[in-house]
Structure formats: C-alpha cells, structure tokens
Amino acid sequence: MTKLNETRLAYDRVKALLDQQLLEKKGSAQQIKDCQSAVNAAFYLLGWAQFEFLTRKEAEERIEADARAKTVHGIGWRYVLANIKAFSLRKKLEVIFFADPVTLNQLNRDYDLRNETAHNYKKLPTEVSDVSAWLDHLESLANKFQS
C-alpha cells in the first residue's frame, strides 16, 4: 500500500465521520461544512506533497540513468543531475511525462489549482471536490510512471 493509498483511506474515514456528524445533526451544519472544506483542502495538499516526492524521486532516477551515457547527451544529463535541486516540479514532470502531453497538461492545470489552494487560500474547485477519486488518480499516475 502506497502513501497515497493510505492518505485516501484516511480521507475517506475522516469524511465519513464528518458526514455522520452532519446526518446526526451534532453541531452547526455550516461549521461541519466548513470543516469538510478544510479537510478536503488539507488532504488535497497532502496528496500533492506525496505525489511531488514520488515525482522528484522518479525524475532523479531517470536523469541518473541517462547521465550514465558516455555520449554528448550524457554530459547534458550529468549537468541536469548536478543542478536537479534548482529544477521546479513542473520541469521534473516534463522529464517523466514528455511522451504523454495530455497527462502533462492536466498535471500543469492541477498544479495551478494546488498553488491557488496552498498559497492563496482558495477553496477547492468543484472539479476536485471528490478528493478520494483525485487521490486515486494521483496513485494511478504514480503507478504508471513507476512501472
């Protein structure tokens, strides 16, 4: 079980508890909905953090493999490897998903949403309101690039 899967299971449990509280009318409905919104954002950002770690690791492994080449390309990849910490997550995503532009474009849009949520304190848009399904999607992407 990966961390993303564990996060999804934890999210599902917390969401079920909040839904149960809402059904049992324990406390203010608005307060519970506000809590649900905060929980959604927290688990969304946690999922991104875990995905970023997997992405960074995968990109470094691919770059290390290409850097072993005794060619001109190997020299370029060794330069990239030496400066990997300066590369943004988006550049690392390009290393992994360069052959799949549809996925790369979607991840770039998702990353924009992540930045809005993390830095501008915006609520999650409706397209990611099902955080559990979104975490499953990240897990499937991680499995795709790790295989």
C-alpha atoms as a PDB file:
ATOM      1  CA  MET A   1       0.000   0.000   0.000  1.00  0.00           C
ATOM      2  CA  THR A   2       1.452   3.341  -1.009  1.00  0.00           C
ATOM      3  CA  LYS A   3       1.307   6.552   0.966  1.00  0.00           C
ATOM      4  CA  LEU A   4      -1.221   7.970  -1.498  1.00  0.00           C
ATOM      5  CA  ASN A   5      -3.496   4.993  -0.924  1.00  0.00           C
ATOM      6  CA  GLU A   6      -3.110   5.329   2.853  1.00  0.00           C
ATOM      7  CA  THR A   7      -3.951   9.022   2.541  1.00  0.00           C
ATOM      8  CA  ARG A   8      -7.069   8.217   0.514  1.00  0.00           C
ATOM      9  CA  LEU A   9      -8.212   5.678   3.116  1.00  0.00           C
ATOM     10  CA  ALA A  10      -7.631   8.182   5.931  1.00  0.00           C
ATOM     11  CA  TYR A  11      -9.507  10.859   3.993  1.00  0.00           C
ATOM     12  CA  ASP A  12     -12.444   8.514   3.414  1.00  0.00           C
ATOM     13  CA  ARG A  13     -12.621   7.776   7.149  1.00  0.00           C
ATOM     14  CA  VAL A  14     -12.496  11.425   8.210  1.00  0.00           C
ATOM     15  CA  LYS A  15     -15.056  12.375   5.548  1.00  0.00           C
ATOM     16  CA  ALA A  16     -17.380   9.584   6.722  1.00  0.00           C
ATOM     17  CA  LEU A  17     -17.106  10.852  10.301  1.00  0.00           C
ATOM     18  CA  LEU A  18     -17.963  14.397   9.238  1.00  0.00           C
ATOM     19  CA  ASP A  19     -20.860  13.141   7.105  1.00  0.00           C
ATOM     20  CA  GLN A  20     -22.106  11.129  10.063  1.00  0.00           C
ATOM     21  CA  GLN A  21     -21.940  14.213  12.288  1.00  0.00           C
ATOM     22  CA  LEU A  22     -23.886  16.149   9.700  1.00  0.00           C
ATOM     23  CA  LEU A  23     -26.565  13.445   9.496  1.00  0.00           C
ATOM     24  CA  GLU A  24     -26.842  13.189  13.260  1.00  0.00           C
ATOM     25  CA  LYS A  25     -27.067  16.984  13.446  1.00  0.00           C
ATOM     26  CA  LYS A  26     -24.291  17.209  16.017  1.00  0.00           C
ATOM     27  CA  GLY A  27     -23.281  20.842  15.890  1.00  0.00           C
ATOM     28  CA  SER A  28     -23.846  23.575  13.369  1.00  0.00           C
ATOM     29  CA  ALA A  29     -24.309  22.345   9.792  1.00  0.00           C
ATOM     30  CA  GLN A  30     -22.327  25.314   8.465  1.00  0.00           C
ATOM     31  CA  GLN A  31     -19.482  24.633  10.888  1.00  0.00           C
ATOM     32  CA  ILE A  32     -19.334  20.984   9.795  1.00  0.00           C
ATOM     33  CA  LYS A  33     -19.355  22.027   6.118  1.00  0.00           C
ATOM     34  CA  ASP A  34     -16.514  24.460   6.827  1.00  0.00           C
ATOM     35  CA  CYS A  35     -14.607  21.618   8.499  1.00  0.00           C
ATOM     36  CA  GLN A  36     -15.252  19.413   5.461  1.00  0.00           C
ATOM     37  CA  SER A  37     -13.886  22.131   3.213  1.00  0.00           C
ATOM     38  CA  ALA A  38     -10.747  22.449   5.363  1.00  0.00           C
ATOM     39  CA  VAL A  39     -10.304  18.658   5.455  1.00  0.00           C
ATOM     40  CA  ASN A  40     -10.687  18.496   1.658  1.00  0.00           C
ATOM     41  CA  ALA A  41      -8.000  21.146   1.166  1.00  0.00           C
ATOM     42  CA  ALA A  42      -5.672  19.540   3.730  1.00  0.00           C
ATOM     43  CA  PHE A  43      -5.877  16.077   2.178  1.00  0.00           C
ATOM     44  CA  TYR A  44      -5.618  17.536  -1.326  1.00  0.00           C
ATOM     45  CA  LEU A  45      -2.377  19.290  -0.374  1.00  0.00           C
ATOM     46  CA  LEU A  46      -1.080  16.214   1.459  1.00  0.00           C
ATOM     47  CA  GLY A  47      -1.727  14.140  -1.654  1.00  0.00           C
ATOM     48  CA  TRP A  48       0.191  16.661  -3.741  1.00  0.00           C
ATOM     49  CA  ALA A  49       3.106  16.611  -1.299  1.00  0.00           C
ATOM     50  CA  GLN A  50       3.292  12.830  -1.511  1.00  0.00           C
ATOM     51  CA  PHE A  51       3.000  12.908  -5.303  1.00  0.00           C
ATOM     52  CA  GLU A  52       5.734  15.563  -5.509  1.00  0.00           C
ATOM     53  CA  PHE A  53       8.062  13.312  -3.503  1.00  0.00           C
ATOM     54  CA  LEU A  54       7.397  10.384  -5.857  1.00  0.00           C
ATOM     55  CA  THR A  55       7.842  12.661  -8.876  1.00  0.00           C
ATOM     56  CA  ARG A  56      11.134  14.051  -7.607  1.00  0.00           C
ATOM     57  CA  LYS A  57      12.451  10.554  -6.911  1.00  0.00           C
ATOM     58  CA  GLU A  58      11.339   9.185 -10.288  1.00  0.00           C
ATOM     59  CA  ALA A  59      12.775  12.152 -12.219  1.00  0.00           C
ATOM     60  CA  GLU A  60      16.111  11.806 -10.430  1.00  0.00           C
ATOM     61  CA  GLU A  61      16.241   8.069 -11.212  1.00  0.00           C
ATOM     62  CA  ARG A  62      15.559   8.707 -14.898  1.00  0.00           C
ATOM     63  CA  ILE A  63      18.106  11.517 -15.063  1.00  0.00           C
ATOM     64  CA  GLU A  64      20.723   9.382 -13.279  1.00  0.00           C
ATOM     65  CA  ALA A  65      20.159   6.587 -15.806  1.00  0.00           C
ATOM     66  CA  ASP A  66      20.563   8.986 -18.746  1.00  0.00           C
ATOM     67  CA  ALA A  67      23.596  10.642 -17.118  1.00  0.00           C
ATOM     68  CA  ARG A  68      25.482   7.319 -17.208  1.00  0.00           C
ATOM     69  CA  ALA A  69      25.687   7.507 -21.001  1.00  0.00           C
ATOM     70  CA  LYS A  70      29.159   8.134 -22.372  1.00  0.00           C
ATOM     71  CA  THR A  71      27.835  10.484 -25.043  1.00  0.00           C
ATOM     72  CA  VAL A  72      27.183  14.173 -25.549  1.00  0.00           C
ATOM     73  CA  HIS A  73      23.670  13.560 -24.222  1.00  0.00           C
ATOM     74  CA  GLY A  74      25.187  12.005 -21.109  1.00  0.00           C
ATOM     75  CA  ILE A  75      27.141  15.217 -20.497  1.00  0.00           C
ATOM     76  CA  GLY A  76      23.931  17.229 -20.697  1.00  0.00           C
ATOM     77  CA  TRP A  77      22.134  14.854 -18.361  1.00  0.00           C
ATOM     78  CA  ARG A  78      25.037  14.996 -15.876  1.00  0.00           C
ATOM     79  CA  TYR A  79      24.668  18.787 -15.858  1.00  0.00           C
ATOM     80  CA  VAL A  80      20.945  18.410 -15.179  1.00  0.00           C
ATOM     81  CA  LEU A  81      21.672  15.900 -12.415  1.00  0.00           C
ATOM     82  CA  ALA A  82      24.178  18.247 -10.774  1.00  0.00           C
ATOM     83  CA  ASN A  83      21.566  21.019 -10.778  1.00  0.00           C
ATOM     84  CA  ILE A  84      18.457  18.938 -10.092  1.00  0.00           C
ATOM     85  CA  LYS A  85      17.556  20.814  -6.911  1.00  0.00           C
ATOM     86  CA  ALA A  86      17.141  24.011  -8.922  1.00  0.00           C
ATOM     87  CA  PHE A  87      14.560  22.398 -11.211  1.00  0.00           C
ATOM     88  CA  SER A  88      10.909  23.066 -10.463  1.00  0.00           C
ATOM     89  CA  LEU A  89       8.365  20.308 -10.081  1.00  0.00           C
ATOM     90  CA  ARG A  90       6.962  21.221 -13.480  1.00  0.00           C
ATOM     91  CA  LYS A  91      10.353  20.566 -15.111  1.00  0.00           C
ATOM     92  CA  LYS A  92      10.564  17.224 -13.320  1.00  0.00           C
ATOM     93  CA  LEU A  93       7.077  16.364 -14.564  1.00  0.00           C
ATOM     94  CA  GLU A  94       8.298  17.133 -18.091  1.00  0.00           C
ATOM     95  CA  VAL A  95      11.126  14.612 -17.654  1.00  0.00           C
ATOM     96  CA  ILE A  96       8.618  11.917 -16.714  1.00  0.00           C
ATOM     97  CA  PHE A  97       5.645  12.750 -18.941  1.00  0.00           C
ATOM     98  CA  PHE A  98       7.296  14.231 -22.056  1.00  0.00           C
ATOM     99  CA  ALA A  99       5.811  11.396 -24.158  1.00  0.00           C
ATOM    100  CA  ASP A 100       2.308  11.971 -22.749  1.00  0.00           C
ATOM    101  CA  PRO A 101       1.430  15.640 -23.362  1.00  0.00           C
ATOM    102  CA  VAL A 102      -2.234  15.175 -22.388  1.00  0.00           C
ATOM    103  CA  THR A 103      -1.271  13.970 -18.908  1.00  0.00           C
ATOM    104  CA  LEU A 104       1.420  16.640 -18.615  1.00  0.00           C
ATOM    105  CA  ASN A 105      -1.045  19.414 -19.493  1.00  0.00           C
ATOM    106  CA  GLN A 106      -3.578  18.088 -16.976  1.00  0.00           C
ATOM    107  CA  LEU A 107      -0.897  17.921 -14.269  1.00  0.00           C
ATOM    108  CA  ASN A 108       0.118  21.508 -15.036  1.00  0.00           C
ATOM    109  CA  ARG A 109      -3.515  22.623 -14.609  1.00  0.00           C
ATOM    110  CA  ASP A 110      -3.764  20.575 -11.400  1.00  0.00           C
ATOM    111  CA  TYR A 111      -0.558  22.180 -10.154  1.00  0.00           C
ATOM    112  CA  ASP A 112      -2.028  25.636 -10.781  1.00  0.00           C
ATOM    113  CA  LEU A 113      -5.036  24.631  -8.651  1.00  0.00           C
ATOM    114  CA  ARG A 114      -2.672  23.312  -5.996  1.00  0.00           C
ATOM    115  CA  ASN A 115      -0.852  26.641  -5.887  1.00  0.00           C
ATOM    116  CA  GLU A 116      -4.124  28.552  -5.623  1.00  0.00           C
ATOM    117  CA  THR A 117      -5.202  26.343  -2.722  1.00  0.00           C
ATOM    118  CA  ALA A 118      -1.855  26.347  -0.925  1.00  0.00           C
ATOM    119  CA  HIS A 119      -0.780  29.948  -1.372  1.00  0.00           C
ATOM    120  CA  ASN A 120      -3.946  31.949  -1.987  1.00  0.00           C
ATOM    121  CA  TYR A 121      -6.132  30.039   0.473  1.00  0.00           C
ATOM    122  CA  LYS A 122      -8.773  29.434  -2.154  1.00  0.00           C
ATOM    123  CA  LYS A 123     -11.308  26.662  -1.733  1.00  0.00           C
ATOM    124  CA  LEU A 124     -11.001  23.633  -3.949  1.00  0.00           C
ATOM    125  CA  PRO A 125     -12.878  23.979  -7.223  1.00  0.00           C
ATOM    126  CA  THR A 126     -15.715  21.584  -7.969  1.00  0.00           C
ATOM    127  CA  GLU A 127     -13.605  19.538 -10.391  1.00  0.00           C
ATOM    128  CA  VAL A 128     -11.520  18.276  -7.455  1.00  0.00           C
ATOM    129  CA  SER A 129     -14.293  18.210  -4.896  1.00  0.00           C
ATOM    130  CA  ASP A 130     -14.076  14.395  -4.814  1.00  0.00           C
ATOM    131  CA  VAL A 131     -10.682  14.272  -3.132  1.00  0.00           C
ATOM    132  CA  SER A 132     -10.827  10.487  -2.771  1.00  0.00           C
ATOM    133  CA  ALA A 133     -11.162   9.995  -6.541  1.00  0.00           C
ATOM    134  CA  TRP A 134      -8.462  12.596  -7.132  1.00  0.00           C
ATOM    135  CA  LEU A 135      -6.066  10.748  -4.785  1.00  0.00           C
ATOM    136  CA  ASP A 136      -6.831   7.534  -6.708  1.00  0.00           C
ATOM    137  CA  HIS A 137      -5.964   9.401  -9.911  1.00  0.00           C
ATOM    138  CA  LEU A 138      -2.602  10.518  -8.481  1.00  0.00           C
ATOM    139  CA  GLU A 139      -1.922   6.948  -7.345  1.00  0.00           C
ATOM    140  CA  SER A 140      -2.627   5.613 -10.841  1.00  0.00           C
ATOM    141  CA  LEU A 141      -0.261   8.214 -12.342  1.00  0.00           C
ATOM    142  CA  ALA A 142       2.446   7.265  -9.843  1.00  0.00           C
ATOM    143  CA  ASN A 143       1.976   3.579 -10.673  1.00  0.00           C
ATOM    144  CA  LYS A 144       2.078   4.407 -14.381  1.00  0.00           C
ATOM    145  CA  PHE A 145       5.444   6.156 -14.254  1.00  0.00           C
ATOM    146  CA  GLN A 146       6.965   3.713 -11.771  1.00  0.00           C
ATOM    147  CA  SER A 147       6.259   0.666 -13.929  1.00  0.00           C
END
